[in-house]
Amino acid sequence: MTTVPDATDASDATGPTVGGADSEPFPEPFPEPSQGGSLRLPLSPTGADRVRPVTIGSVVVAAGGLAVATAGGFWPVLVATLVMCLVLAWSWPVLGGSHTPGTTTVVLLIAAPAIVFTSLSDDLRWTAAAVALGVVLSFMGQLIRKTGRQGLVLTLLASFGGLVPMASATLAVASADVPRGRAHLVLTMSAATAALVADLLVRKRQLAPFLGLVALVAAIAGALVAGWFFEEIGGWAAVGVAAGAGSLSWSWRRVLALQPAMLGVRGQVAAGVGSVLIVGVVVHIFTVVS
């Protein structure tokens, strides 16, 4: 009579398995983040609680450049926005988790001027058409890849994510054709820059639950100070612009804080520049409403 070993004895001899002898071993619970910003696993929760100096510098440079450009009118704002979009096209694929960052960069470099220059038209439907062009190019870029289809969805999402702040910034450029729009743009940039106070306080554990409120209050304060120089905008309008721009800009950086690419320069540049470009829609909304 043949005896059959107990299940516990068999598992002790061969190690724990799941679903049979051919099952893969348990994956490492916290593998190292892959290079190039691949979106496999975010950093540990404590990875967000650090000051990102390159991101902060990128916000100051981008917001300051756009604010200064308003003094020259529409064309300087368009050129400054285009430069920022090209910088985003270079840096975003790494942060967005593209598995083919080179191809995604080319797609965004082509789409950026196509989107920004639609601000020359009175009909913003051309902006939607340019974004659609970027979406089509994103799919076409995947047809020529030689590495299979690994990470296809994440790569496409990385391309789409880069198109969003470009389109938002283009709305701000379109609003810069009138004095009130340029004033709203300056206030928005002031609010986005002031919201960096929350980024500087991120290491304060006791303030972690209130960082969003800190960013909101700082943004409102910054916009009110800038609002003293513009008679076209009332106090409540400045508060509304600041609340929308400051919260959106800070939230963009906070959401991306756990991405592996935030450990590198390109990732931090993308987070900073993107958080400035994304608030363009706020400029357009308040310009149209007012």
Protein backbone atom coordinates (compact mmCIF):
# COMPACT_ATOMS: atom_id res chain seq x y z
CA MET A 1 0.00 0.00 0.00
CA THR A 2 1.39 3.35 -1.11
CA THR A 3 1.13 6.27 1.26
CA VAL A 4 0.52 9.82 0.11
CA PRO A 5 2.39 12.58 1.97
CA ASP A 6 0.36 15.21 3.72
CA ALA A 7 -0.17 18.56 1.98
CA THR A 8 1.83 20.29 4.67
CA ASP A 9 4.76 17.95 4.14
CA ALA A 10 4.67 18.54 0.40
CA SER A 11 4.57 22.27 0.79
CA ASP A 12 7.44 22.17 3.21
CA ALA A 13 9.51 20.29 0.71
CA THR A 14 8.79 22.40 -2.35
CA GLY A 15 7.88 25.78 -0.87
CA PRO A 16 4.52 27.57 -0.98
CA THR A 17 2.72 27.44 -4.31
CA VAL A 18 -0.50 28.84 -5.64
CA GLY A 19 -2.64 27.04 -8.20
CA GLY A 20 -0.39 24.02 -8.66
CA ALA A 21 3.23 23.10 -9.16
CA ASP A 22 3.64 25.31 -12.23
CA SER A 23 2.54 28.50 -10.52
CA GLU A 24 4.86 31.45 -10.37
CA PRO A 25 6.35 32.32 -6.99
CA PHE A 26 4.91 35.23 -5.08
CA PRO A 27 6.14 38.54 -6.53
CA GLU A 28 8.15 40.87 -4.42
CA PRO A 29 5.74 43.14 -2.53
CA PHE A 30 7.82 46.26 -3.16
CA PRO A 31 10.02 45.84 -6.23
CA GLU A 32 12.39 48.57 -7.16
CA PRO A 33 10.82 51.19 -9.44
CA SER A 34 12.00 50.67 -13.00
CA GLN A 35 14.18 53.21 -14.71
CA GLY A 36 12.77 55.68 -17.20
CA GLY A 37 9.64 56.43 -15.21
CA SER A 38 7.81 53.19 -16.06
CA LEU A 39 4.50 53.15 -14.27
CA ARG A 40 4.89 49.76 -12.57
CA LEU A 41 4.73 50.75 -8.96
CA PRO A 42 4.69 54.13 -7.25
CA LEU A 43 7.13 55.10 -4.59
CA SER A 44 6.38 54.37 -0.96
CA PRO A 45 3.91 56.78 0.68
CA THR A 46 6.79 58.59 2.35
CA GLY A 47 8.22 59.27 -1.11
CA ALA A 48 5.73 62.10 -1.56
CA ASP A 49 6.78 63.77 1.66
CA ARG A 50 9.92 65.43 0.38
CA VAL A 51 10.75 68.82 -1.02
CA ARG A 52 11.30 68.66 -4.80
CA PRO A 53 13.69 71.55 -5.53
CA VAL A 54 13.66 71.09 -9.31
CA THR A 55 9.86 71.07 -9.36
CA ILE A 56 9.71 74.23 -7.27
CA GLY A 57 12.24 75.93 -9.53
CA SER A 58 10.31 74.84 -12.63
CA VAL A 59 7.09 76.35 -11.27
CA VAL A 60 8.79 79.66 -10.46
CA VAL A 61 10.46 79.89 -13.88
CA ALA A 62 7.38 78.84 -15.88
CA ALA A 63 4.89 80.98 -13.96
CA GLY A 64 7.25 83.94 -13.82
CA GLY A 65 7.98 83.70 -17.54
CA LEU A 66 4.30 83.66 -18.48
CA ALA A 67 3.50 86.53 -16.10
CA VAL A 68 6.29 88.68 -17.52
CA ALA A 69 5.25 87.80 -21.08
CA THR A 70 1.83 89.40 -20.50
CA ALA A 71 3.52 92.83 -20.53
CA GLY A 72 4.23 92.38 -24.24
CA GLY A 73 0.75 91.26 -25.20
CA PHE A 74 -0.55 88.26 -27.08
CA TRP A 75 2.50 87.14 -29.08
CA PRO A 76 5.00 86.99 -26.18
CA VAL A 77 2.45 84.94 -24.22
CA LEU A 78 2.05 82.57 -27.17
CA VAL A 79 5.82 82.14 -27.58
CA ALA A 80 6.36 81.60 -23.84
CA THR A 81 3.55 79.04 -23.74
CA LEU A 82 4.96 77.21 -26.75
CA VAL A 83 8.38 76.99 -25.09
CA MET A 84 6.82 75.58 -21.93
CA CYS A 85 4.84 73.04 -23.95
CA LEU A 86 7.99 71.88 -25.73
CA VAL A 87 9.72 71.47 -22.37
CA LEU A 88 6.74 69.43 -21.20
CA ALA A 89 6.93 67.30 -24.36
CA TRP A 90 10.56 66.49 -23.51
CA SER A 91 9.99 65.69 -19.85
CA TRP A 92 6.45 64.33 -19.57
CA PRO A 93 6.84 60.84 -21.17
CA VAL A 94 9.18 59.79 -18.38
CA LEU A 95 6.84 60.97 -15.65
CA GLY A 96 3.74 59.68 -17.42
CA GLY A 97 5.10 56.14 -17.46
CA SER A 98 5.48 55.65 -21.22
CA HIS A 99 7.18 52.38 -22.21
CA THR A 100 8.40 54.10 -25.38
CA PRO A 101 9.37 57.56 -24.08
CA GLY A 102 11.27 58.48 -27.25
CA THR A 103 8.25 57.92 -29.49
CA THR A 104 5.93 59.67 -27.04
CA THR A 105 8.27 62.66 -26.96
CA VAL A 106 8.17 62.93 -30.75
CA VAL A 107 4.37 62.77 -30.72
CA LEU A 108 4.11 65.55 -28.13
CA LEU A 109 6.74 67.68 -29.90
CA ILE A 110 4.61 67.57 -33.04
CA ALA A 111 1.33 68.12 -31.23
CA ALA A 112 2.55 71.03 -29.07
CA PRO A 113 2.89 73.71 -31.79
CA ALA A 114 -0.23 72.40 -33.55
CA ILE A 115 -2.25 72.92 -30.37
CA VAL A 116 -0.74 76.24 -29.25
CA PHE A 117 -1.06 77.92 -32.65
CA THR A 118 -4.79 77.23 -32.71
CA SER A 119 -5.06 80.18 -30.32
CA LEU A 120 -4.62 82.38 -33.42
CA SER A 121 -8.09 81.37 -34.53
CA ASP A 122 -11.25 82.87 -33.11
CA ASP A 123 -12.83 79.43 -33.13
CA LEU A 124 -11.49 77.22 -30.35
CA ARG A 125 -12.84 74.16 -32.11
CA TRP A 126 -9.49 74.07 -33.88
CA THR A 127 -7.92 73.41 -30.47
CA ALA A 128 -10.02 70.28 -30.12
CA ALA A 129 -9.01 69.28 -33.65
CA ALA A 130 -5.31 69.70 -32.79
CA VAL A 131 -5.74 67.59 -29.65
CA ALA A 132 -7.45 64.95 -31.77
CA LEU A 133 -4.41 65.03 -34.08
CA GLY A 134 -2.22 64.34 -31.07
CA VAL A 135 -4.41 61.38 -30.11
CA VAL A 136 -4.15 59.95 -33.64
CA LEU A 137 -0.38 60.41 -33.63
CA SER A 138 -0.21 58.61 -30.28
CA PHE A 139 -1.78 55.52 -31.83
CA MET A 140 0.30 55.76 -35.00
CA GLY A 141 3.48 55.90 -32.96
CA GLN A 142 2.66 52.51 -31.47
CA LEU A 143 2.37 50.89 -34.90
CA ILE A 144 6.10 51.18 -35.53
CA ARG A 145 7.38 50.00 -32.15
CA LYS A 146 9.55 46.87 -32.26
CA THR A 147 9.22 45.81 -28.64
CA GLY A 148 5.81 44.17 -28.78
CA ARG A 149 2.77 45.60 -27.06
CA GLN A 150 3.95 45.60 -23.47
CA GLY A 151 2.65 48.65 -21.64
CA LEU A 152 0.57 49.77 -24.63
CA VAL A 153 -2.27 51.23 -22.58
CA LEU A 154 0.05 53.05 -20.18
CA THR A 155 2.01 54.47 -23.11
CA LEU A 156 -1.13 55.80 -24.75
CA LEU A 157 -2.32 57.28 -21.46
CA ALA A 158 1.04 58.98 -21.08
CA SER A 159 0.57 60.64 -24.48
CA PHE A 160 -2.99 61.69 -23.69
CA GLY A 161 -1.93 63.07 -20.32
CA GLY A 162 0.66 65.31 -21.98
CA LEU A 163 -1.93 66.74 -24.38
CA VAL A 164 -4.22 67.94 -21.58
CA PRO A 165 -2.00 70.67 -20.05
CA MET A 166 -1.03 71.83 -23.55
CA ALA A 167 -4.68 72.33 -24.47
CA SER A 168 -5.38 74.06 -21.18
CA ALA A 169 -2.47 76.46 -21.67
CA THR A 170 -3.71 77.26 -25.18
CA LEU A 171 -6.99 78.51 -23.69
CA ALA A 172 -4.98 80.98 -21.61
CA VAL A 173 -3.14 82.17 -24.73
CA ALA A 174 -6.45 82.81 -26.46
CA SER A 175 -7.55 84.92 -23.47
CA ALA A 176 -4.33 86.97 -23.54
CA ASP A 177 -5.66 88.93 -26.52
CA VAL A 178 -7.62 91.23 -24.17
CA PRO A 179 -6.36 93.25 -21.15
CA ARG A 180 -8.69 91.46 -18.72
CA GLY A 181 -7.42 88.10 -19.90
CA ARG A 182 -3.80 89.12 -19.35
CA ALA A 183 -4.68 90.36 -15.87
CA HIS A 184 -6.32 87.03 -15.06
CA LEU A 185 -3.22 85.27 -16.36
CA VAL A 186 -0.95 87.25 -14.01
CA LEU A 187 -3.21 86.50 -11.04
CA THR A 188 -3.31 82.83 -11.96
CA MET A 189 0.46 82.61 -12.18
CA SER A 190 0.77 84.43 -8.85
CA ALA A 191 -1.63 81.96 -7.23
CA ALA A 192 0.18 78.94 -8.67
CA THR A 193 3.51 80.25 -7.41
CA ALA A 194 2.17 81.11 -3.94
CA ALA A 195 0.73 77.59 -3.60
CA LEU A 196 4.33 76.34 -3.47
CA VAL A 197 4.23 77.12 0.24
CA ALA A 198 2.48 73.78 0.69
CA ASP A 199 5.30 72.04 -1.19
CA LEU A 200 7.86 73.59 1.13
CA LEU A 201 5.94 72.40 4.22
CA VAL A 202 5.41 68.83 3.00
CA ARG A 203 7.96 67.43 5.49
CA LYS A 204 5.91 68.72 8.43
CA ARG A 205 4.03 65.57 9.39
CA GLN A 206 1.53 67.41 11.57
CA LEU A 207 0.50 69.59 8.62
CA ALA A 208 0.02 66.72 6.15
CA PRO A 209 -3.82 66.62 6.45
CA PHE A 210 -4.00 70.39 5.90
CA LEU A 211 -1.61 70.90 2.99
CA GLY A 212 -4.47 71.45 0.56
CA LEU A 213 -5.86 74.19 2.78
CA VAL A 214 -2.41 75.73 3.14
CA ALA A 215 -2.03 75.82 -0.66
CA LEU A 216 -5.48 77.40 -1.01
CA VAL A 217 -4.87 80.14 1.54
CA ALA A 218 -1.40 80.91 0.17
CA ALA A 219 -2.75 81.08 -3.40
CA ILE A 220 -5.50 83.50 -2.40
CA ALA A 221 -3.02 85.69 -0.57
CA GLY A 222 -0.68 85.74 -3.55
CA ALA A 223 -3.46 86.61 -5.99
CA LEU A 224 -4.83 89.39 -3.79
CA VAL A 225 -1.40 91.00 -3.64
CA ALA A 226 -1.07 90.82 -7.41
CA GLY A 227 -4.64 92.07 -7.81
CA TRP A 228 -3.71 95.48 -6.38
CA PHE A 229 -2.02 96.28 -9.69
CA PHE A 230 -5.05 95.51 -11.86
CA GLU A 231 -8.16 97.63 -11.68
CA GLU A 232 -9.96 95.33 -14.14
CA ILE A 233 -10.33 92.59 -11.53
CA GLY A 234 -12.31 92.93 -8.32
CA GLY A 235 -11.44 91.35 -5.01
CA TRP A 236 -13.92 88.48 -5.24
CA ALA A 237 -12.84 87.68 -8.78
CA ALA A 238 -9.23 87.51 -7.59
CA VAL A 239 -10.26 85.12 -4.82
CA GLY A 240 -12.06 82.89 -7.32
CA VAL A 241 -9.12 82.82 -9.72
CA ALA A 242 -6.72 82.06 -6.89
CA ALA A 243 -8.87 79.30 -5.41
CA GLY A 244 -9.19 77.51 -8.74
CA ALA A 245 -5.61 77.99 -9.93
CA GLY A 246 -3.87 77.36 -6.62
CA SER A 247 -5.82 74.21 -5.79
CA LEU A 248 -5.48 72.78 -9.30
CA SER A 249 -1.76 73.50 -9.56
CA TRP A 250 -0.93 72.04 -6.16
CA SER A 251 -3.16 68.98 -6.71
CA TRP A 252 -1.38 68.23 -10.00
CA ARG A 253 1.99 68.10 -8.25
CA ARG A 254 0.66 66.17 -5.26
CA VAL A 255 -0.96 63.47 -7.38
CA LEU A 256 2.28 62.91 -9.29
CA ALA A 257 4.50 62.99 -6.21
CA LEU A 258 4.62 59.19 -5.91
CA GLN A 259 5.74 58.52 -9.49
CA PRO A 260 9.17 56.85 -9.71
CA ALA A 261 10.36 59.48 -12.20
CA MET A 262 10.02 62.13 -9.49
CA LEU A 263 13.41 60.92 -8.28
CA GLY A 264 14.98 62.38 -11.43
CA VAL A 265 15.27 65.80 -13.02
CA ARG A 266 12.99 65.19 -16.00
CA GLY A 267 10.16 63.96 -13.82
CA GLN A 268 10.38 66.96 -11.52
CA VAL A 269 10.48 69.37 -14.47
CA ALA A 270 7.38 67.74 -15.95
CA ALA A 271 5.48 68.01 -12.67
CA GLY A 272 6.42 71.66 -12.23
CA VAL A 273 5.80 72.88 -15.78
CA GLY A 274 2.64 70.80 -16.11
CA SER A 275 1.20 72.25 -12.90
CA VAL A 276 1.57 75.74 -14.44
CA LEU A 277 0.18 74.93 -17.88
CA ILE A 278 -2.81 73.04 -16.50
CA VAL A 279 -4.31 76.18 -14.91
CA GLY A 280 -4.81 77.87 -18.28
CA VAL A 281 -8.43 76.75 -18.30
CA VAL A 282 -9.02 78.82 -15.15
CA VAL A 283 -7.81 81.93 -16.98
CA HIS A 284 -10.16 81.29 -19.86
CA ILE A 285 -13.21 80.58 -17.69
CA PHE A 286 -12.88 83.76 -15.63
CA THR A 287 -12.10 85.86 -18.69
CA VAL A 288 -15.23 84.65 -20.47
CA VAL A 289 -17.46 84.94 -17.40
CA SER A 290 -16.28 88.45 -16.56
